[in-house]
Amino acid sequence: LGLSLSNTVIAAVSGGPGCAEGKGAPSDLMKCDQELRQGIRTVRGDVLRVEGDTLLVKRSDGKEVRVHLDETTQMFGYVGPGERVEAKLDKQGHAVSIRLAE
């Protein structure tokens, strides 16, 4: 791919909060349900480190999840070690989108 990520990643993303916790307005929860049917899952946690094109994210339950990024990943803001993020992952663990968590 030739893609190289540093400790900062900047781009643009869409998506609302709440899927990871099952909270939000009914319309937001319907969107979450649609994403689940499409094989999209939400991971929320703290970025431990950046390893090339992969973020290592620690969820609140202590589990560490690898989030693969590439040029198709929609992103917004600074994403690096110490940041709390919410990522939408496909079945292969590729980040469809990632944003700073609220």
Protein backbone atom coordinates (compact mmCIF):
# COMPACT_ATOMS: atom_id res chain seq x y z
CA LEU A 1 0.00 0.00 0.00
CA GLY A 2 2.77 2.42 0.77
CA LEU A 3 0.66 3.89 3.58
CA SER A 4 2.56 4.95 6.64
CA LEU A 5 0.94 6.36 9.75
CA SER A 6 2.84 8.31 12.35
CA ASN A 7 1.69 8.92 15.91
CA THR A 8 -0.79 11.45 14.54
CA VAL A 9 -3.48 10.74 12.01
CA ILE A 10 -5.69 13.47 10.54
CA ALA A 11 -8.71 13.21 8.20
CA ALA A 12 -12.53 13.46 8.29
CA VAL A 13 -15.26 11.16 9.65
CA SER A 14 -18.96 10.87 10.24
CA GLY A 15 -20.89 8.80 12.72
CA GLY A 16 -22.60 9.31 16.03
CA PRO A 17 -21.88 8.23 19.56
CA GLY A 18 -23.74 5.54 21.42
CA CYS A 19 -23.36 2.31 19.45
CA ALA A 20 -20.65 0.95 21.73
CA GLU A 21 -22.91 1.37 24.78
CA GLY A 22 -26.27 0.76 23.12
CA LYS A 23 -27.38 4.27 24.09
CA GLY A 24 -28.81 7.13 22.12
CA ALA A 25 -31.91 8.32 20.33
CA PRO A 26 -34.08 5.68 18.62
CA SER A 27 -32.85 6.80 15.18
CA ASP A 28 -29.23 6.38 16.34
CA LEU A 29 -29.97 2.91 17.70
CA MET A 30 -31.62 1.93 14.40
CA LYS A 31 -28.43 3.01 12.61
CA CYS A 32 -26.42 0.86 15.03
CA ASP A 33 -28.70 -2.11 14.27
CA GLN A 34 -28.17 -1.58 10.52
CA GLU A 35 -24.40 -1.50 11.05
CA LEU A 36 -24.54 -4.77 13.00
CA ARG A 37 -26.47 -6.41 10.17
CA GLN A 38 -23.77 -5.23 7.76
CA GLY A 39 -21.06 -6.79 9.94
CA ILE A 40 -19.87 -3.48 11.40
CA ARG A 41 -18.99 -3.47 15.09
CA THR A 42 -18.04 -0.55 17.30
CA VAL A 43 -14.91 -0.54 19.45
CA ARG A 44 -14.38 2.20 22.00
CA GLY A 45 -11.26 2.63 24.10
CA ASP A 46 -7.90 4.29 24.64
CA VAL A 47 -5.13 4.18 22.03
CA LEU A 48 -2.11 2.51 23.62
CA ARG A 49 0.20 2.82 20.65
CA VAL A 50 0.48 3.12 16.88
CA GLU A 51 2.22 0.27 15.03
CA GLY A 52 2.55 1.26 11.38
CA ASP A 53 -0.98 1.19 9.98
CA THR A 54 -2.48 -0.36 13.13
CA LEU A 55 -3.72 1.18 16.37
CA LEU A 56 -3.67 -0.87 19.56
CA VAL A 57 -6.82 0.13 21.48
CA LYS A 58 -7.56 -0.92 25.07
CA ARG A 59 -11.29 -1.24 25.77
CA SER A 60 -12.85 -0.45 29.15
CA ASP A 61 -13.07 -4.21 29.88
CA GLY A 62 -9.27 -4.41 29.56
CA LYS A 63 -9.25 -6.26 26.22
CA GLU A 64 -6.76 -4.96 23.66
CA VAL A 65 -8.00 -4.70 20.07
CA ARG A 66 -5.94 -4.10 16.93
CA VAL A 67 -7.54 -1.59 14.58
CA HIS A 68 -6.18 -1.62 11.02
CA LEU A 69 -6.25 1.71 9.14
CA ASP A 70 -5.67 2.55 5.49
CA GLU A 71 -6.47 5.28 2.98
CA THR A 72 -10.16 4.23 2.94
CA THR A 73 -10.61 4.75 6.70
CA GLN A 74 -12.66 7.86 7.43
CA MET A 75 -11.10 9.79 10.33
CA PHE A 76 -11.28 13.09 12.17
CA GLY A 77 -8.80 14.84 14.41
CA TYR A 78 -5.69 13.69 16.23
CA VAL A 79 -5.63 9.97 16.86
CA GLY A 80 -2.60 8.79 18.78
CA PRO A 81 -1.44 7.32 22.07
CA GLY A 82 -3.54 8.40 25.02
CA GLU A 83 -6.57 9.42 22.95
CA ARG A 84 -10.01 7.86 23.57
CA VAL A 85 -11.50 6.73 20.26
CA GLU A 86 -14.58 5.08 18.80
CA ALA A 87 -13.91 2.92 15.75
CA LYS A 88 -16.34 1.18 13.40
CA LEU A 89 -14.75 -2.09 12.26
CA ASP A 90 -15.71 -4.48 9.49
CA LYS A 91 -15.56 -8.27 9.84
CA GLN A 92 -11.82 -8.29 9.08
CA GLY A 93 -11.00 -5.75 11.81
CA HIS A 94 -10.43 -2.93 9.32
CA ALA A 95 -11.52 0.51 10.55
CA VAL A 96 -14.27 1.84 8.32
CA SER A 97 -14.26 5.00 10.44
CA ILE A 98 -12.60 6.28 13.60
CA ARG A 99 -13.17 9.38 15.65
CA LEU A 100 -12.39 10.82 19.04
CA ALA A 101 -14.85 9.48 21.60
CA GLU A 102 -16.89 11.90 23.66
